[in-house]
Amino acid sequence: MLKRTPLFETHQKLGAKLIDFGGWEMPLQYSGIMEEHKAVREAAGLFDISHMGEFSVSGRSAETFLNRILTNDVRKLQDGEGQYTQICNPDGGTIDDLYLYRLGKGIYTLVVNASRIDADADWFRRELARCEDGEREGVIFADDSSAWGALALQGPKAGECLKDALGQRPDNRGLLLGLESLEKNQLAVACWPGVEGQVIFSRTGYTGEDGFELLCSPAAVGQIWDAVLEAGASLGVKPCGLGARDTLRTEVCYPLYGHELDEATTPIEAGVGWSVALDKGDFIGRDVLVRQNEEGVDRRLIAFKMTGRSAPPRPGYPVWSVGDDAKRIGEVTSGTQSPSLGVGIGLGYISREFSSKGTSLEIEIRGRRAAAEVAPKPLYRPNTSE
């Protein structure tokens, strides 16, 4: 049986088209992917992300433990900051990519992909058990996924919408000022007036737009959802599903686990080596990642645009070189018709020799090859027409 978030009945009432996503019954769309995508680019969209997993790691040696498990440098985080990072296996393959938040000294929350909750939790528990006594001293790991609901409010009017939803009462002024001052990857922990428990507000997201992700109790997520949509109605804020989330992240070339990342693919190959701190000391997978960083990789994740008329590219489609000696050189990992650009776009792994920007390619679509070219990342820059 598929899992359901606390907002399942709300999605039904809104007429959402529901699909199986990583074992969860989630909304693909409400009014339509194109309309929802446009809302995020021009105003804001509200996403249910309660299917995501949340872990807590705490204790005196929490920082040391996490720095051995994760690729990024945990020591760079101050209280109220977050960072994008990965869990790698000894071969450098990506077990998951995630966001790590430091709530206080020795207190961390991790937000992981829904389809990887069990695998990630097992990995953390095994690695904690393998640590020497000094490394795991006082470290407590917990899978808190069932204790959280989560929302993502994304778009250029996200801040205005959140401000209106919270209201202008005098007792809210401190909270509003605090949220307005948050910079990208920063967070605040506060109460939402009238709802149970505390809320983590982080200035993060998966669309390339400004916005916030909110972690709250499952009991509170419905109240906050309703408050945000009511406040945002006059601004053009809409509920959005996984379809728009995918087109939005593809336009800005954000990797999706299971497409661009998996246990056989390293962060270096995926082009997110900037989140790998090779100089921080030893961590799981470091030896392979150092070698790839120094010697290069045989395949690279590229972005591409279709240059002629064709059906949209889709995951799994073959990528070919062009010319008399044309050969298959890779595969599409993500592909769609870009609502913002009006052309087919995608991401894919291809042989390194063909990965330079501007290189002509062909994408095999339904048995026929269509012209494309390697394009700079991101394919779309918010607040521009390019």
Protein backbone atom coordinates (compact mmCIF):
# COMPACT_ATOMS: atom_id res chain seq x y z
CA MET A 1 0.00 0.00 0.00
CA LEU A 2 1.28 3.46 -0.89
CA LYS A 3 2.21 5.85 1.90
CA ARG A 4 0.32 9.11 2.22
CA THR A 5 1.27 12.49 3.63
CA PRO A 6 -0.92 14.39 6.12
CA LEU A 7 -2.19 16.46 3.16
CA PHE A 8 -3.54 13.50 1.15
CA GLU A 9 -7.21 14.42 1.63
CA THR A 10 -6.40 18.05 0.84
CA HIS A 11 -4.88 16.99 -2.48
CA GLN A 12 -7.99 14.97 -3.28
CA LYS A 13 -10.27 17.92 -2.52
CA LEU A 14 -8.17 20.15 -4.80
CA GLY A 15 -8.60 17.65 -7.64
CA ALA A 16 -4.95 16.65 -7.85
CA LYS A 17 -3.86 13.87 -10.17
CA LEU A 18 -2.13 11.44 -7.81
CA ILE A 19 0.71 9.08 -8.74
CA ASP A 20 3.09 6.61 -7.12
CA PHE A 21 6.33 8.43 -6.35
CA GLY A 22 8.89 6.35 -4.48
CA GLY A 23 6.16 4.45 -2.66
CA TRP A 24 4.16 7.58 -1.83
CA GLU A 25 0.82 8.63 -3.31
CA MET A 26 1.69 12.18 -4.32
CA PRO A 27 0.15 14.94 -6.48
CA LEU A 28 1.57 15.12 -10.00
CA GLN A 29 -0.46 18.22 -10.82
CA TYR A 30 -3.53 20.24 -9.88
CA SER A 31 -4.43 22.82 -12.54
CA GLY A 32 -1.70 21.63 -14.93
CA ILE A 33 2.07 21.40 -15.04
CA MET A 34 2.47 24.39 -17.38
CA GLU A 35 0.27 26.65 -15.26
CA GLU A 36 1.92 25.57 -12.01
CA HIS A 37 5.41 26.00 -13.46
CA LYS A 38 4.51 29.51 -14.59
CA ALA A 39 3.15 30.35 -11.15
CA VAL A 40 6.49 29.50 -9.53
CA ARG A 41 8.48 31.51 -12.06
CA GLU A 42 6.20 34.56 -11.86
CA ALA A 43 4.65 34.46 -8.36
CA ALA A 44 5.02 31.43 -6.10
CA GLY A 45 3.97 27.82 -5.79
CA LEU A 46 3.29 25.70 -2.71
CA PHE A 47 4.51 22.09 -2.70
CA ASP A 48 3.81 19.27 -0.28
CA ILE A 49 7.20 17.72 0.49
CA SER A 50 6.11 15.80 3.57
CA HIS A 51 7.27 12.57 1.91
CA MET A 52 10.89 13.63 2.41
CA GLY A 53 12.80 12.04 5.26
CA GLU A 54 14.21 13.82 8.31
CA PHE A 55 17.02 12.51 10.51
CA SER A 56 18.56 13.97 13.63
CA VAL A 57 22.18 13.56 14.67
CA SER A 58 23.28 15.05 17.96
CA GLY A 59 25.96 14.77 20.62
CA ARG A 60 29.45 15.91 21.45
CA SER A 61 31.02 14.03 18.53
CA ALA A 62 28.19 14.65 16.05
CA GLU A 63 30.27 16.98 13.89
CA THR A 64 33.15 14.50 13.67
CA PHE A 65 30.82 11.64 12.82
CA LEU A 66 28.96 13.58 10.13
CA ASN A 67 32.20 14.81 8.58
CA ARG A 68 33.25 11.20 8.06
CA ILE A 69 29.89 10.21 6.55
CA LEU A 70 29.18 13.25 4.36
CA THR A 71 31.11 14.83 1.49
CA ASN A 72 30.82 18.50 2.42
CA ASP A 73 32.66 20.09 5.34
CA VAL A 74 30.32 20.14 8.33
CA ARG A 75 32.77 22.37 10.23
CA LYS A 76 31.87 25.30 7.98
CA LEU A 77 28.34 25.46 9.37
CA GLN A 78 27.37 27.95 12.05
CA ASP A 79 24.15 27.72 14.03
CA GLY A 80 21.23 28.43 11.71
CA GLU A 81 23.00 27.41 8.50
CA GLY A 82 22.58 24.55 6.06
CA GLN A 83 24.54 22.96 3.23
CA TYR A 84 23.97 20.62 0.31
CA THR A 85 25.96 17.40 0.63
CA GLN A 86 26.03 13.68 -0.23
CA ILE A 87 26.47 10.31 1.42
CA CYS A 88 28.95 8.21 -0.59
CA ASN A 89 29.93 4.56 -0.48
CA PRO A 90 33.63 3.51 -0.49
CA ASP A 91 33.59 3.47 -4.32
CA GLY A 92 32.47 7.11 -4.41
CA GLY A 93 28.95 6.22 -5.56
CA THR A 94 26.14 8.36 -4.19
CA ILE A 95 23.92 6.70 -1.61
CA ASP A 96 21.90 9.91 -1.38
CA ASP A 97 22.11 13.67 -1.72
CA LEU A 98 20.60 15.74 1.04
CA TYR A 99 20.51 18.97 3.02
CA LEU A 100 22.19 19.22 6.40
CA TYR A 101 21.13 21.89 8.91
CA ARG A 102 22.94 22.91 12.07
CA LEU A 103 20.37 23.93 14.67
CA GLY A 104 22.91 24.39 17.47
CA LYS A 105 26.24 23.09 18.66
CA GLY A 106 26.14 19.34 18.22
CA ILE A 107 22.52 19.40 16.97
CA TYR A 108 21.83 18.61 13.31
CA THR A 109 18.81 17.86 11.14
CA LEU A 110 19.17 16.14 7.77
CA VAL A 111 16.53 16.17 5.03
CA VAL A 112 16.88 13.14 2.74
CA ASN A 113 15.11 11.81 -0.34
CA ALA A 114 11.86 9.93 0.27
CA SER A 115 12.92 6.85 -1.69
CA ARG A 116 16.17 6.60 0.29
CA ILE A 117 14.94 6.95 3.88
CA ASP A 118 15.39 3.29 4.82
CA ALA A 119 18.68 2.85 2.96
CA ASP A 120 20.11 6.05 4.46
CA ALA A 121 19.00 5.18 7.99
CA ASP A 122 20.55 1.72 7.72
CA TRP A 123 23.79 3.26 6.45
CA PHE A 124 23.98 5.76 9.32
CA ARG A 125 23.32 3.09 11.93
CA ARG A 126 25.94 0.73 10.48
CA GLU A 127 28.57 3.43 10.23
CA LEU A 128 27.86 4.66 13.73
CA ALA A 129 28.32 1.11 15.02
CA ARG A 130 31.67 0.86 13.19
CA CYS A 131 33.07 4.04 14.69
CA GLU A 132 35.75 3.85 17.31
CA ASP A 133 34.58 4.71 20.81
CA GLY A 134 35.97 8.24 20.68
CA GLU A 135 34.26 9.03 17.35
CA ARG A 136 30.81 7.92 18.43
CA GLU A 137 30.95 9.20 21.99
CA GLY A 138 27.56 10.63 22.84
CA VAL A 139 26.34 10.56 19.22
CA ILE A 140 22.63 9.90 18.90
CA PHE A 141 21.08 9.13 15.53
CA ALA A 142 17.31 9.01 14.97
CA ASP A 143 15.02 8.64 11.97
CA ASP A 144 12.41 11.29 12.78
CA SER A 145 10.63 11.19 9.41
CA SER A 146 7.22 10.33 10.86
CA ALA A 147 7.44 13.30 13.25
CA TRP A 148 7.62 15.93 10.50
CA GLY A 149 5.48 17.42 7.79
CA ALA A 150 7.08 19.70 5.22
CA LEU A 151 6.15 22.36 2.66
CA ALA A 152 8.10 24.27 0.03
CA LEU A 153 6.99 27.78 -0.93
CA GLN A 154 8.94 28.77 -4.04
CA GLY A 155 8.97 31.80 -6.30
CA PRO A 156 9.79 35.52 -6.42
CA LYS A 157 6.74 36.36 -4.27
CA ALA A 158 7.36 33.62 -1.70
CA GLY A 159 8.60 36.07 0.93
CA GLU A 160 5.64 38.39 0.47
CA CYS A 161 3.22 35.47 0.64
CA LEU A 162 4.81 34.09 3.81
CA LYS A 163 4.69 37.53 5.41
CA ASP A 164 0.99 37.87 4.61
CA ALA A 165 0.25 34.35 5.87
CA LEU A 166 1.89 35.04 9.21
CA GLY A 167 0.01 38.30 9.59
CA GLN A 168 1.03 41.72 10.80
CA ARG A 169 0.22 41.38 14.49
CA PRO A 170 2.70 43.16 16.79
CA ASP A 171 3.80 39.85 18.34
CA ASN A 172 4.79 38.61 14.87
CA ARG A 173 7.10 41.49 13.99
CA GLY A 174 10.22 39.83 15.34
CA LEU A 175 9.50 36.63 13.42
CA LEU A 176 8.80 38.51 10.20
CA LEU A 177 11.99 40.55 10.48
CA GLY A 178 13.94 37.39 11.21
CA LEU A 179 12.58 35.61 8.15
CA GLU A 180 13.20 38.62 5.90
CA SER A 181 16.84 38.71 6.99
CA LEU A 182 17.50 35.04 6.18
CA GLU A 183 19.94 34.55 3.34
CA LYS A 184 20.18 31.50 1.09
CA ASN A 185 20.86 28.31 3.09
CA GLN A 186 20.10 29.99 6.40
CA LEU A 187 17.31 28.92 8.75
CA ALA A 188 15.29 30.01 11.74
CA VAL A 189 13.32 28.03 14.30
CA ALA A 190 10.13 29.73 15.50
CA CYS A 191 6.46 29.22 16.26
CA TRP A 192 3.72 29.70 13.68
CA PRO A 193 0.92 31.53 15.47
CA GLY A 194 -1.94 29.21 16.32
CA VAL A 195 -0.36 25.91 15.33
CA GLU A 196 1.24 23.13 17.33
CA GLY A 197 4.98 22.96 17.87
CA GLN A 198 7.91 24.79 16.36
CA VAL A 199 8.59 25.35 12.67
CA ILE A 200 11.96 25.28 10.93
CA PHE A 201 12.03 27.96 8.21
CA SER A 202 14.93 27.51 5.77
CA ARG A 203 15.72 29.68 2.76
CA THR A 204 16.26 26.75 0.45
CA GLY A 205 14.48 25.05 -2.42
CA TYR A 206 14.64 22.94 -5.53
CA THR A 207 13.36 25.27 -8.24
CA GLY A 208 16.12 27.85 -8.73
CA GLU A 209 13.80 30.55 -7.39
CA ASP A 210 13.86 32.32 -4.06
CA GLY A 211 11.76 30.58 -1.46
CA PHE A 212 11.41 28.75 1.81
CA GLU A 213 11.09 25.19 2.98
CA LEU A 214 9.15 24.66 6.20
CA LEU A 215 9.42 21.68 8.54
CA CYS A 216 6.59 21.37 11.04
CA SER A 217 4.59 18.78 12.93
CA PRO A 218 2.22 16.59 10.86
CA ALA A 219 -0.66 18.10 12.83
CA ALA A 220 0.34 21.62 11.77
CA VAL A 221 1.09 21.11 8.09
CA GLY A 222 -2.57 21.38 6.98
CA GLN A 223 -3.13 24.63 8.86
CA ILE A 224 0.00 26.18 7.40
CA TRP A 225 -0.88 24.95 3.89
CA ASP A 226 -4.31 26.59 4.11
CA ALA A 227 -2.92 29.82 5.55
CA VAL A 228 -0.31 30.16 2.81
CA LEU A 229 -2.73 29.49 -0.05
CA GLU A 230 -5.31 31.88 1.40
CA ALA A 231 -2.74 34.64 1.83
CA GLY A 232 -1.23 34.00 -1.59
CA ALA A 233 -4.42 33.87 -3.63
CA SER A 234 -4.25 37.55 -4.57
CA LEU A 235 -0.55 37.19 -5.47
CA GLY A 236 -1.08 34.32 -7.90
CA VAL A 237 0.25 31.60 -5.59
CA LYS A 238 -0.90 28.11 -6.56
CA PRO A 239 -0.60 24.58 -5.20
CA CYS A 240 1.96 22.70 -7.28
CA GLY A 241 2.75 19.05 -7.86
CA LEU A 242 5.70 16.88 -8.77
CA GLY A 243 5.34 17.59 -12.47
CA ALA A 244 6.15 21.28 -12.10
CA ARG A 245 8.82 20.49 -9.54
CA ASP A 246 10.54 18.33 -12.14
CA THR A 247 10.36 20.84 -15.01
CA LEU A 248 11.55 23.63 -12.71
CA ARG A 249 14.57 21.73 -11.39
CA THR A 250 15.48 20.46 -14.88
CA GLU A 251 15.58 24.02 -16.23
CA VAL A 252 18.11 24.98 -13.56
CA CYS A 253 19.99 21.64 -13.85
CA TYR A 254 19.51 20.38 -10.30
CA PRO A 255 20.20 16.64 -10.08
CA LEU A 256 17.48 14.23 -8.97
CA TYR A 257 18.36 11.05 -7.14
CA GLY A 258 17.57 8.03 -9.30
CA HIS A 259 18.14 10.07 -12.46
CA GLU A 260 21.42 11.97 -12.26
CA LEU A 261 22.63 10.37 -9.03
CA ASP A 262 22.75 6.77 -7.82
CA GLU A 263 25.06 4.34 -6.07
CA ALA A 264 27.12 3.86 -9.25
CA THR A 265 27.53 7.59 -9.92
CA THR A 266 29.86 9.92 -8.05
CA PRO A 267 29.29 13.60 -7.22
CA ILE A 268 32.26 14.45 -9.46
CA GLU A 269 30.62 12.77 -12.46
CA ALA A 270 27.34 14.50 -11.63
CA GLY A 271 28.94 17.94 -11.68
CA VAL A 272 28.34 18.69 -8.00
CA GLY A 273 31.97 18.39 -6.97
CA TRP A 274 31.65 21.85 -5.42
CA SER A 275 29.84 20.11 -2.53
CA VAL A 276 32.74 17.70 -1.95
CA ALA A 277 35.38 19.00 0.49
CA LEU A 278 38.42 17.00 -0.55
CA ASP A 279 40.63 19.06 1.75
CA LYS A 280 38.76 18.38 4.99
CA GLY A 281 40.42 15.07 5.80
CA ASP A 282 39.28 11.49 5.38
CA PHE A 283 35.68 10.59 4.64
CA ILE A 284 33.95 7.64 3.01
CA GLY A 285 34.61 7.59 -0.74
CA ARG A 286 37.33 10.26 -0.63
CA ASP A 287 40.07 8.21 -2.33
CA VAL A 288 37.98 7.65 -5.47
CA LEU A 289 36.76 11.25 -5.57
CA VAL A 290 40.31 12.61 -5.23
CA ARG A 291 41.44 10.45 -8.14
CA GLN A 292 38.52 11.54 -10.31
CA ASN A 293 39.14 15.18 -9.46
CA GLU A 294 42.79 14.87 -10.48
CA GLU A 295 42.47 12.59 -13.52
CA GLY A 296 39.02 13.53 -14.79
CA VAL A 297 36.10 11.22 -15.50
CA ASP A 298 35.17 9.20 -18.57
CA ARG A 299 31.62 10.55 -18.66
CA ARG A 300 30.12 13.85 -17.70
CA LEU A 301 26.65 15.10 -16.90
CA ILE A 302 25.78 17.66 -19.55
CA ALA A 303 22.80 19.89 -20.18
CA PHE A 304 21.37 20.09 -23.68
CA LYS A 305 18.78 21.90 -25.75
CA MET A 306 16.98 20.58 -28.78
CA THR A 307 17.85 22.70 -31.83
CA GLY A 308 15.13 21.50 -34.18
CA ARG A 309 11.49 20.49 -34.01
CA SER A 310 10.95 17.27 -32.11
CA ALA A 311 8.96 15.60 -29.38
CA PRO A 312 10.36 16.27 -25.90
CA PRO A 313 13.37 14.20 -24.81
CA ARG A 314 12.75 11.73 -22.00
CA PRO A 315 14.88 9.74 -19.53
CA GLY A 316 16.49 6.69 -21.09
CA TYR A 317 16.66 8.08 -24.63
CA PRO A 318 20.01 7.38 -26.34
CA VAL A 319 22.39 10.25 -27.13
CA TRP A 320 24.42 10.06 -30.37
CA SER A 321 27.33 11.97 -31.85
CA VAL A 322 26.86 13.44 -35.32
CA GLY A 323 28.62 12.90 -38.63
CA ASP A 324 29.62 9.94 -40.79
CA ASP A 325 31.12 8.13 -37.81
CA ALA A 326 28.18 8.80 -35.49
CA LYS A 327 27.97 6.53 -32.47
CA ARG A 328 25.98 6.22 -29.30
CA ILE A 329 27.77 8.28 -26.66
CA GLY A 330 25.38 8.39 -23.70
CA GLU A 331 21.87 8.52 -22.36
CA VAL A 332 19.33 11.13 -21.26
CA THR A 333 18.72 11.11 -17.50
CA SER A 334 16.09 13.90 -17.38
CA GLY A 335 14.20 15.50 -20.24
CA THR A 336 11.16 17.66 -20.81
CA GLN A 337 9.64 20.45 -22.85
CA SER A 338 10.78 23.58 -21.04
CA PRO A 339 7.77 25.75 -20.15
CA SER A 340 10.06 28.78 -19.71
CA LEU A 341 12.16 28.37 -22.87
CA GLY A 342 9.65 26.72 -25.18
CA VAL A 343 12.12 24.06 -26.38
CA GLY A 344 13.04 20.52 -25.43
CA ILE A 345 15.76 20.37 -22.80
CA GLY A 346 17.45 17.75 -20.69
CA LEU A 347 20.36 16.36 -18.75
CA GLY A 348 22.38 13.31 -19.63
CA TYR A 349 25.64 11.47 -19.23
CA ILE A 350 27.85 11.36 -22.31
CA SER A 351 31.47 10.53 -23.13
CA ARG A 352 33.83 13.28 -21.98
CA GLU A 353 35.18 13.99 -25.48
CA PHE A 354 31.74 15.19 -26.61
CA SER A 355 30.87 17.24 -23.52
CA SER A 356 32.12 20.71 -24.52
CA LYS A 357 29.54 23.48 -24.69
CA GLY A 358 28.14 23.95 -28.18
CA THR A 359 28.93 20.38 -29.33
CA SER A 360 26.27 19.08 -31.71
CA LEU A 361 24.41 15.95 -30.59
CA GLU A 362 21.45 13.88 -31.62
CA ILE A 363 18.82 12.52 -29.25
CA GLU A 364 17.08 9.35 -30.36
CA ILE A 365 13.38 10.00 -29.83
CA ARG A 366 10.98 7.20 -30.68
CA GLY A 367 13.45 5.63 -33.09
CA ARG A 368 14.42 8.85 -34.87
CA ARG A 369 17.34 11.13 -34.14
CA ALA A 370 16.70 14.81 -33.47
CA ALA A 371 19.29 17.60 -33.39
CA ALA A 372 20.49 19.01 -30.08
CA GLU A 373 23.55 20.70 -28.63
CA VAL A 374 25.42 20.78 -25.33
CA ALA A 375 24.30 23.91 -23.48
CA PRO A 376 25.66 25.92 -20.54
CA LYS A 377 24.23 25.26 -17.07
CA PRO A 378 21.79 26.36 -15.87
CA LEU A 379 19.56 26.14 -18.92
CA TYR A 380 17.34 28.84 -17.45
CA ARG A 381 18.25 31.66 -15.09
CA PRO A 382 15.38 32.96 -12.96
CA ASN A 383 14.30 36.55 -13.59
CA THR A 384 15.75 36.44 -17.13
CA SER A 385 14.43 35.25 -20.48
CA GLU A 386 17.54 33.20 -21.22
